[in-house]
N, C-alpha and C. Protein backbone atom coordinates (compact mmCIF):
# COMPACT_ATOMS: atom_id res chain seq x y z
N MET A 1 99.27 86.60 48.72
CA MET A 1 99.13 86.18 47.34
C MET A 1 97.95 86.91 46.71
N SER A 2 98.15 87.39 45.53
CA SER A 2 97.06 88.06 44.83
C SER A 2 96.31 87.06 43.95
N ASP A 3 95.17 87.49 43.50
CA ASP A 3 94.38 86.68 42.58
C ASP A 3 94.84 87.05 41.17
N ARG A 4 95.96 86.46 40.76
CA ARG A 4 96.61 86.83 39.51
C ARG A 4 97.05 85.57 38.78
N ILE A 5 96.78 85.52 37.48
CA ILE A 5 97.27 84.45 36.62
C ILE A 5 98.40 85.03 35.79
N LEU A 6 99.55 84.40 35.85
CA LEU A 6 100.70 84.84 35.07
C LEU A 6 100.80 83.97 33.83
N VAL A 7 100.68 84.58 32.66
CA VAL A 7 100.78 83.88 31.39
C VAL A 7 102.17 84.16 30.84
N ILE A 8 102.97 83.11 30.70
CA ILE A 8 104.37 83.25 30.30
C ILE A 8 104.53 82.87 28.84
N ASN A 9 104.98 83.83 28.03
CA ASN A 9 105.38 83.55 26.66
C ASN A 9 106.87 83.20 26.73
N PRO A 10 107.25 81.94 26.49
CA PRO A 10 108.65 81.56 26.67
C PRO A 10 109.58 82.00 25.54
N ASN A 11 109.04 82.63 24.49
CA ASN A 11 109.96 83.18 23.50
C ASN A 11 110.11 84.67 23.75
N SER A 12 111.10 85.26 23.12
CA SER A 12 111.45 86.66 23.40
C SER A 12 110.79 87.65 22.45
N THR A 13 109.83 87.21 21.67
CA THR A 13 109.18 88.08 20.70
C THR A 13 107.99 88.80 21.33
N GLU A 14 108.17 90.10 21.55
CA GLU A 14 107.13 90.91 22.20
C GLU A 14 105.81 90.90 21.43
N ALA A 15 105.89 90.84 20.09
CA ALA A 15 104.66 90.82 19.30
C ALA A 15 103.82 89.59 19.62
N VAL A 16 104.47 88.48 19.92
CA VAL A 16 103.74 87.26 20.30
C VAL A 16 103.04 87.50 21.64
N THR A 17 103.75 88.10 22.58
CA THR A 17 103.14 88.38 23.89
C THR A 17 101.96 89.32 23.74
N LYS A 18 102.08 90.31 22.88
CA LYS A 18 100.96 91.23 22.65
C LYS A 18 99.75 90.49 22.09
N GLY A 19 99.99 89.54 21.20
CA GLY A 19 98.90 88.73 20.66
C GLY A 19 98.25 87.87 21.72
N ILE A 20 99.08 87.28 22.58
CA ILE A 20 98.55 86.47 23.69
C ILE A 20 97.72 87.35 24.61
N ASP A 21 98.24 88.53 24.92
CA ASP A 21 97.54 89.46 25.81
C ASP A 21 96.18 89.85 25.21
N ALA A 22 96.15 90.12 23.92
CA ALA A 22 94.88 90.46 23.27
C ALA A 22 93.91 89.29 23.33
N ALA A 23 94.41 88.08 23.18
CA ALA A 23 93.55 86.89 23.24
C ALA A 23 92.99 86.68 24.64
N MET A 24 93.67 87.18 25.65
CA MET A 24 93.21 87.03 27.03
C MET A 24 92.12 88.03 27.40
N GLU A 25 91.97 89.08 26.61
CA GLU A 25 91.04 90.16 26.96
C GLU A 25 89.63 89.67 27.28
N PRO A 26 89.03 88.77 26.50
CA PRO A 26 87.67 88.32 26.85
C PRO A 26 87.59 87.57 28.17
N LEU A 27 88.72 87.12 28.68
CA LEU A 27 88.76 86.38 29.94
C LEU A 27 88.95 87.28 31.15
N ARG A 28 89.20 88.54 30.90
CA ARG A 28 89.38 89.51 31.99
C ARG A 28 88.01 90.03 32.41
N LEU A 29 87.48 89.41 33.44
CA LEU A 29 86.12 89.71 33.88
C LEU A 29 86.13 90.53 35.17
N PRO A 30 85.14 91.39 35.35
CA PRO A 30 85.04 92.13 36.61
C PRO A 30 84.96 91.15 37.78
N GLY A 31 85.80 91.37 38.77
CA GLY A 31 85.83 90.49 39.92
C GLY A 31 86.65 89.23 39.71
N GLY A 32 87.11 89.01 38.49
CA GLY A 32 87.92 87.83 38.20
C GLY A 32 89.39 88.10 38.48
N PRO A 33 90.21 87.10 38.31
CA PRO A 33 91.64 87.30 38.56
C PRO A 33 92.27 88.22 37.51
N ALA A 34 93.29 88.93 37.92
CA ALA A 34 94.07 89.71 36.96
C ALA A 34 94.82 88.71 36.09
N ILE A 35 94.95 89.01 34.82
CA ILE A 35 95.72 88.16 33.90
C ILE A 35 96.85 89.01 33.36
N GLU A 36 98.06 88.60 33.69
CA GLU A 36 99.26 89.33 33.28
C GLU A 36 100.05 88.47 32.30
N CYS A 37 100.35 89.02 31.14
CA CYS A 37 101.13 88.30 30.13
C CYS A 37 102.53 88.89 30.09
N ILE A 38 103.52 88.01 30.16
CA ILE A 38 104.91 88.46 30.14
C ILE A 38 105.71 87.72 29.08
N THR A 39 106.79 88.35 28.66
CA THR A 39 107.73 87.77 27.70
C THR A 39 108.95 87.29 28.44
N LEU A 40 109.39 86.09 28.15
CA LEU A 40 110.61 85.55 28.75
C LEU A 40 111.79 86.09 27.94
N LYS A 41 112.44 87.11 28.46
CA LYS A 41 113.52 87.79 27.73
C LYS A 41 114.66 86.85 27.35
N GLU A 42 114.87 85.80 28.16
CA GLU A 42 115.97 84.86 27.91
C GLU A 42 115.66 83.88 26.79
N GLY A 43 114.43 83.86 26.33
CA GLY A 43 114.03 82.89 25.32
C GLY A 43 114.50 83.26 23.92
N PRO A 44 114.49 82.29 23.02
CA PRO A 44 114.80 82.57 21.62
C PRO A 44 113.62 83.30 20.98
N PRO A 45 113.77 83.83 19.78
CA PRO A 45 112.65 84.52 19.13
C PRO A 45 111.41 83.64 18.95
N GLY A 46 111.62 82.35 18.83
CA GLY A 46 110.52 81.40 18.71
C GLY A 46 110.95 80.05 19.26
N ILE A 47 110.01 79.27 19.76
CA ILE A 47 110.30 77.91 20.23
C ILE A 47 110.01 77.01 19.05
N GLU A 48 111.04 76.69 18.30
CA GLU A 48 110.85 75.97 17.04
C GLU A 48 111.54 74.62 16.99
N ASN A 49 112.31 74.27 18.02
CA ASN A 49 112.97 72.96 18.03
C ASN A 49 113.22 72.54 19.48
N GLN A 50 113.70 71.31 19.65
CA GLN A 50 113.90 70.78 21.00
C GLN A 50 114.94 71.58 21.78
N ALA A 51 115.97 72.07 21.11
CA ALA A 51 116.98 72.89 21.80
C ALA A 51 116.34 74.15 22.39
N HIS A 52 115.42 74.76 21.65
CA HIS A 52 114.72 75.94 22.16
C HIS A 52 113.89 75.59 23.39
N VAL A 53 113.22 74.44 23.34
CA VAL A 53 112.41 73.99 24.49
C VAL A 53 113.30 73.86 25.71
N GLU A 54 114.42 73.18 25.55
CA GLU A 54 115.33 72.94 26.68
C GLU A 54 115.97 74.23 27.17
N GLN A 55 116.21 75.17 26.27
CA GLN A 55 116.84 76.45 26.62
C GLN A 55 116.00 77.26 27.60
N VAL A 56 114.69 77.13 27.54
CA VAL A 56 113.83 77.98 28.36
C VAL A 56 113.33 77.32 29.64
N VAL A 57 113.62 76.05 29.85
CA VAL A 57 113.13 75.36 31.05
C VAL A 57 113.63 76.06 32.31
N GLY A 58 114.92 76.33 32.40
CA GLY A 58 115.49 77.00 33.58
C GLY A 58 114.91 78.39 33.79
N PRO A 59 114.89 79.25 32.76
CA PRO A 59 114.32 80.58 32.94
C PRO A 59 112.82 80.57 33.30
N ILE A 60 112.07 79.61 32.78
CA ILE A 60 110.66 79.51 33.18
C ILE A 60 110.57 79.17 34.66
N GLY A 61 111.38 78.21 35.09
CA GLY A 61 111.42 77.85 36.51
C GLY A 61 111.79 79.03 37.38
N ASP A 62 112.78 79.80 36.93
CA ASP A 62 113.19 80.99 37.68
C ASP A 62 112.05 82.00 37.79
N MET A 63 111.30 82.17 36.70
CA MET A 63 110.18 83.11 36.70
C MET A 63 109.08 82.63 37.66
N VAL A 64 108.80 81.34 37.65
CA VAL A 64 107.77 80.81 38.56
C VAL A 64 108.21 81.01 40.01
N LYS A 65 109.49 80.74 40.31
CA LYS A 65 110.00 80.97 41.68
C LYS A 65 109.86 82.44 42.06
N LYS A 66 110.26 83.32 41.15
CA LYS A 66 110.24 84.76 41.42
C LYS A 66 108.83 85.28 41.67
N ARG A 67 107.85 84.74 40.95
CA ARG A 67 106.48 85.28 41.01
C ARG A 67 105.53 84.41 41.83
N ASP A 68 106.04 83.37 42.47
CA ASP A 68 105.18 82.42 43.19
C ASP A 68 104.36 83.08 44.29
N ASN A 69 104.92 84.10 44.94
CA ASN A 69 104.21 84.75 46.05
C ASN A 69 103.13 85.73 45.60
N ASP A 70 103.18 86.17 44.35
CA ASP A 70 102.16 87.14 43.92
C ASP A 70 101.27 86.63 42.79
N CYS A 71 101.30 85.34 42.53
CA CYS A 71 100.45 84.75 41.50
C CYS A 71 99.70 83.55 42.07
N SER A 72 98.50 83.34 41.57
CA SER A 72 97.72 82.20 42.03
C SER A 72 97.72 81.05 41.04
N ALA A 73 98.22 81.30 39.82
CA ALA A 73 98.33 80.26 38.80
C ALA A 73 99.27 80.74 37.70
N PHE A 74 99.77 79.78 36.94
CA PHE A 74 100.70 80.07 35.85
C PHE A 74 100.23 79.36 34.59
N VAL A 75 100.43 80.01 33.44
CA VAL A 75 100.13 79.40 32.15
C VAL A 75 101.38 79.53 31.29
N ILE A 76 101.80 78.42 30.70
CA ILE A 76 102.91 78.45 29.75
C ILE A 76 102.29 78.50 28.36
N ALA A 77 102.45 79.64 27.71
CA ALA A 77 101.77 79.93 26.46
C ALA A 77 102.64 79.58 25.25
N CYS A 78 102.91 78.30 25.11
CA CYS A 78 103.69 77.79 23.98
C CYS A 78 103.25 76.35 23.78
N TYR A 79 102.97 75.97 22.55
CA TYR A 79 102.42 74.64 22.31
C TYR A 79 103.32 73.51 22.77
N SER A 80 104.59 73.71 22.85
CA SER A 80 105.48 72.65 23.32
C SER A 80 105.42 72.45 24.84
N ASP A 81 104.73 73.33 25.54
CA ASP A 81 104.66 73.29 27.01
C ASP A 81 106.04 73.20 27.66
N PRO A 82 107.00 74.02 27.21
CA PRO A 82 108.35 73.92 27.79
C PRO A 82 108.35 74.26 29.27
N GLY A 83 109.02 73.45 30.04
CA GLY A 83 109.16 73.70 31.47
C GLY A 83 107.93 73.40 32.29
N LEU A 84 106.91 72.80 31.71
CA LEU A 84 105.66 72.55 32.42
C LEU A 84 105.87 71.69 33.66
N HIS A 85 106.52 70.56 33.50
CA HIS A 85 106.70 69.65 34.63
C HIS A 85 107.68 70.22 35.66
N ALA A 86 108.72 70.90 35.19
CA ALA A 86 109.67 71.53 36.12
C ALA A 86 108.96 72.61 36.94
N ALA A 87 108.12 73.41 36.29
CA ALA A 87 107.39 74.46 37.01
C ALA A 87 106.44 73.87 38.04
N ARG A 88 105.84 72.74 37.71
CA ARG A 88 104.92 72.09 38.65
C ARG A 88 105.67 71.57 39.89
N GLU A 89 106.95 71.27 39.72
CA GLU A 89 107.75 70.84 40.86
C GLU A 89 108.14 72.01 41.76
N ILE A 90 108.13 73.21 41.21
CA ILE A 90 108.56 74.41 41.94
C ILE A 90 107.44 74.99 42.79
N THR A 91 106.22 74.93 42.30
CA THR A 91 105.09 75.56 42.98
C THR A 91 103.97 74.56 43.25
N SER A 92 103.19 74.84 44.26
CA SER A 92 102.01 74.02 44.54
C SER A 92 100.78 74.59 43.84
N LYS A 93 100.95 75.71 43.16
CA LYS A 93 99.84 76.36 42.46
C LYS A 93 99.64 75.72 41.09
N PRO A 94 98.48 75.89 40.49
CA PRO A 94 98.26 75.32 39.17
C PRO A 94 99.23 75.89 38.14
N VAL A 95 99.78 75.01 37.32
CA VAL A 95 100.61 75.40 36.18
C VAL A 95 100.01 74.68 34.97
N LEU A 96 99.53 75.46 34.02
CA LEU A 96 98.87 74.91 32.85
C LEU A 96 99.72 75.15 31.61
N GLY A 97 99.77 74.16 30.75
CA GLY A 97 100.42 74.29 29.46
C GLY A 97 99.34 74.30 28.38
N ILE A 98 99.49 75.16 27.39
CA ILE A 98 98.43 75.27 26.40
C ILE A 98 98.30 74.03 25.53
N ALA A 99 99.37 73.28 25.31
CA ALA A 99 99.24 72.04 24.54
C ALA A 99 98.43 71.02 25.33
N GLU A 100 98.84 70.78 26.56
CA GLU A 100 98.13 69.81 27.39
C GLU A 100 96.65 70.19 27.53
N CYS A 101 96.39 71.45 27.82
CA CYS A 101 94.99 71.89 27.97
C CYS A 101 94.21 71.76 26.66
N GLY A 102 94.84 72.13 25.57
CA GLY A 102 94.17 72.04 24.28
C GLY A 102 93.85 70.61 23.89
N ILE A 103 94.80 69.72 24.10
CA ILE A 103 94.60 68.31 23.76
C ILE A 103 93.50 67.71 24.63
N LEU A 104 93.57 67.95 25.93
CA LEU A 104 92.57 67.38 26.83
C LEU A 104 91.17 67.94 26.54
N THR A 105 91.09 69.22 26.21
CA THR A 105 89.80 69.81 25.85
C THR A 105 89.29 69.22 24.55
N ALA A 106 90.16 69.10 23.55
CA ALA A 106 89.75 68.53 22.26
C ALA A 106 89.20 67.12 22.43
N MET A 107 89.80 66.36 23.33
CA MET A 107 89.33 64.98 23.52
C MET A 107 87.94 64.93 24.15
N THR A 108 87.51 65.99 24.82
CA THR A 108 86.15 66.00 25.37
C THR A 108 85.12 66.31 24.29
N LEU A 109 85.58 66.80 23.15
CA LEU A 109 84.68 67.23 22.08
C LEU A 109 84.50 66.19 20.98
N GLY A 110 85.36 65.19 20.96
CA GLY A 110 85.27 64.18 19.91
C GLY A 110 86.18 63.01 20.20
N GLN A 111 86.11 62.02 19.36
CA GLN A 111 86.92 60.83 19.54
C GLN A 111 88.39 61.08 19.23
N ARG A 112 88.65 61.95 18.25
CA ARG A 112 90.03 62.20 17.83
C ARG A 112 90.27 63.70 17.72
N PHE A 113 91.53 64.07 17.70
CA PHE A 113 91.90 65.48 17.57
C PHE A 113 93.06 65.59 16.59
N GLY A 114 93.21 66.76 16.02
CA GLY A 114 94.33 67.03 15.13
C GLY A 114 95.08 68.25 15.63
N VAL A 115 96.31 68.38 15.16
CA VAL A 115 97.17 69.49 15.57
C VAL A 115 97.63 70.24 14.32
N ILE A 116 97.56 71.55 14.38
CA ILE A 116 98.11 72.40 13.33
C ILE A 116 99.38 73.01 13.89
N SER A 117 100.51 72.61 13.33
CA SER A 117 101.83 73.09 13.78
C SER A 117 102.28 74.25 12.92
N ILE A 118 103.28 74.96 13.42
CA ILE A 118 103.80 76.05 12.60
C ILE A 118 104.84 75.53 11.60
N LEU A 119 105.71 74.65 12.04
CA LEU A 119 106.77 74.14 11.18
C LEU A 119 106.78 72.62 11.16
N ARG A 120 107.13 72.05 10.03
CA ARG A 120 107.19 70.59 9.88
C ARG A 120 108.17 69.98 10.89
N LYS A 121 109.27 70.68 11.16
CA LYS A 121 110.27 70.12 12.07
C LYS A 121 109.76 70.03 13.51
N SER A 122 108.65 70.69 13.81
CA SER A 122 108.05 70.61 15.15
C SER A 122 107.24 69.33 15.35
N ILE A 123 106.81 68.72 14.28
CA ILE A 123 105.88 67.59 14.37
C ILE A 123 106.45 66.42 15.17
N PRO A 124 107.69 65.97 14.94
CA PRO A 124 108.19 64.85 15.76
C PRO A 124 108.18 65.16 17.26
N ARG A 125 108.48 66.40 17.63
CA ARG A 125 108.45 66.80 19.04
C ARG A 125 107.02 66.72 19.58
N HIS A 126 106.07 67.17 18.78
CA HIS A 126 104.67 67.09 19.19
C HIS A 126 104.22 65.64 19.34
N LEU A 127 104.62 64.80 18.41
CA LEU A 127 104.23 63.38 18.48
C LEU A 127 104.79 62.74 19.74
N ARG A 128 106.02 63.08 20.10
CA ARG A 128 106.60 62.55 21.35
C ARG A 128 105.78 63.00 22.55
N TYR A 129 105.41 64.27 22.56
CA TYR A 129 104.66 64.81 23.70
C TYR A 129 103.29 64.14 23.82
N VAL A 130 102.59 64.01 22.70
CA VAL A 130 101.28 63.36 22.71
C VAL A 130 101.43 61.91 23.18
N GLY A 131 102.50 61.26 22.75
CA GLY A 131 102.76 59.90 23.21
C GLY A 131 103.02 59.84 24.71
N GLN A 132 103.79 60.80 25.22
CA GLN A 132 104.06 60.85 26.66
C GLN A 132 102.78 61.09 27.45
N MET A 133 101.84 61.81 26.86
CA MET A 133 100.56 62.04 27.52
C MET A 133 99.69 60.78 27.51
N GLY A 134 100.05 59.81 26.66
CA GLY A 134 99.29 58.57 26.58
C GLY A 134 98.05 58.66 25.71
N VAL A 135 98.01 59.64 24.81
CA VAL A 135 96.81 59.84 23.99
C VAL A 135 97.13 59.77 22.49
N GLY A 136 98.25 59.17 22.14
CA GLY A 136 98.66 59.10 20.75
C GLY A 136 97.65 58.45 19.83
N GLU A 137 96.95 57.44 20.33
CA GLU A 137 95.97 56.74 19.49
C GLU A 137 94.75 57.61 19.18
N ARG A 138 94.58 58.68 19.92
CA ARG A 138 93.44 59.59 19.69
C ARG A 138 93.80 60.72 18.72
N MET A 139 95.08 60.81 18.34
CA MET A 139 95.53 61.90 17.47
C MET A 139 95.31 61.51 16.00
N ALA A 140 94.53 62.33 15.30
CA ALA A 140 94.26 62.07 13.89
C ALA A 140 95.45 62.44 13.01
N GLY A 141 96.22 63.44 13.42
CA GLY A 141 97.37 63.86 12.64
C GLY A 141 97.88 65.21 13.10
N ASP A 142 99.02 65.58 12.54
CA ASP A 142 99.67 66.86 12.84
C ASP A 142 100.20 67.39 11.52
N ARG A 143 99.75 68.55 11.12
CA ARG A 143 100.17 69.15 9.86
C ARG A 143 100.72 70.54 10.13
N ALA A 144 101.71 70.93 9.33
CA ALA A 144 102.38 72.22 9.52
C ALA A 144 101.89 73.26 8.51
N ILE A 145 101.83 74.51 8.97
CA ILE A 145 101.47 75.62 8.07
C ILE A 145 102.71 76.21 7.40
N GLY A 146 103.90 75.84 7.87
CA GLY A 146 105.13 76.29 7.23
C GLY A 146 105.51 77.74 7.52
N LEU A 147 105.08 78.26 8.65
CA LEU A 147 105.44 79.63 9.05
C LEU A 147 106.12 79.59 10.40
N GLY A 148 107.22 80.33 10.55
CA GLY A 148 107.90 80.43 11.83
C GLY A 148 107.17 81.36 12.78
N VAL A 149 107.58 81.35 14.03
CA VAL A 149 106.91 82.15 15.06
C VAL A 149 106.83 83.63 14.67
N VAL A 150 107.92 84.18 14.20
CA VAL A 150 107.94 85.61 13.85
C VAL A 150 107.00 85.90 12.68
N GLU A 151 106.88 84.96 11.74
CA GLU A 151 106.00 85.15 10.57
C GLU A 151 104.52 85.12 10.94
N LEU A 152 104.19 84.59 12.09
CA LEU A 152 102.79 84.49 12.50
C LEU A 152 102.15 85.86 12.73
N ALA A 153 102.95 86.91 12.82
CA ALA A 153 102.41 88.26 13.03
C ALA A 153 101.52 88.70 11.87
N ASP A 154 101.73 88.12 10.69
CA ASP A 154 100.88 88.43 9.53
C ASP A 154 99.60 87.61 9.68
N GLU A 155 98.60 88.21 10.34
CA GLU A 155 97.40 87.47 10.72
C GLU A 155 96.63 86.90 9.54
N SER A 156 96.48 87.66 8.47
CA SER A 156 95.69 87.16 7.34
C SER A 156 96.39 85.98 6.67
N ARG A 157 97.68 86.07 6.51
CA ARG A 157 98.44 84.96 5.92
C ARG A 157 98.38 83.73 6.84
N THR A 158 98.56 83.95 8.13
CA THR A 158 98.53 82.85 9.09
C THR A 158 97.17 82.17 9.10
N PHE A 159 96.10 82.96 9.18
CA PHE A 159 94.76 82.38 9.23
C PHE A 159 94.46 81.60 7.96
N ALA A 160 94.84 82.15 6.81
CA ALA A 160 94.58 81.46 5.54
C ALA A 160 95.29 80.11 5.51
N ARG A 161 96.55 80.08 5.94
CA ARG A 161 97.29 78.81 5.96
C ARG A 161 96.69 77.84 6.97
N MET A 162 96.28 78.34 8.12
CA MET A 162 95.68 77.47 9.13
C MET A 162 94.38 76.85 8.60
N ALA A 163 93.56 77.65 7.93
CA ALA A 163 92.30 77.13 7.38
C ALA A 163 92.58 76.08 6.31
N GLU A 164 93.56 76.33 5.47
CA GLU A 164 93.93 75.39 4.41
C GLU A 164 94.42 74.07 5.00
N VAL A 165 95.32 74.16 5.96
CA VAL A 165 95.89 72.95 6.57
C VAL A 165 94.84 72.22 7.41
N ALA A 166 93.97 72.96 8.08
CA ALA A 166 92.90 72.33 8.86
C ALA A 166 91.97 71.53 7.95
N ALA A 167 91.65 72.07 6.78
CA ALA A 167 90.79 71.35 5.84
C ALA A 167 91.48 70.07 5.36
N GLU A 168 92.78 70.15 5.08
CA GLU A 168 93.52 68.95 4.68
C GLU A 168 93.50 67.90 5.78
N LEU A 169 93.72 68.34 7.00
CA LEU A 169 93.73 67.43 8.14
C LEU A 169 92.35 66.79 8.33
N ARG A 170 91.32 67.59 8.23
CA ARG A 170 89.95 67.09 8.38
C ARG A 170 89.60 66.07 7.30
N ASP A 171 90.05 66.33 6.08
CA ASP A 171 89.66 65.50 4.95
C ASP A 171 90.48 64.22 4.79
N GLU A 172 91.53 64.07 5.56
CA GLU A 172 92.35 62.85 5.45
C GLU A 172 91.71 61.68 6.14
């Protein structure tokens, strides 16, 4: 087994994987584990609804099985954490979901946390997930920026909407 973290983008949009890979760059330290970011080719262009989440559970599991011998940990790089629990059943190695990690980290920083979603239709799915985690009472709210996964490539537009929605969430 190598000292490698496999970061799985469960959608099929290469530009998203490139963005994830760029975000990982500060974490690539001399002597640290290799961080490899991959695109799940079987995924939809974006994980925007429950059907998309369910569509990628099997392929994520297949990827974890395929790479289990050459990776020391796995990260599912999608806020819905698709396939997180299934992947944890496949391997004894750490499997992290960015939603779960983000929520748990946010709770260490304050009493409540908020979520900025990409689409309004994602919010009920997020609320279910937060409820399943048992931390619903700590959630201040979930607001959408109204941009789909593919539209997020426009960084200035995305950041502007995120800042606007974050201010609304903070001020409520």
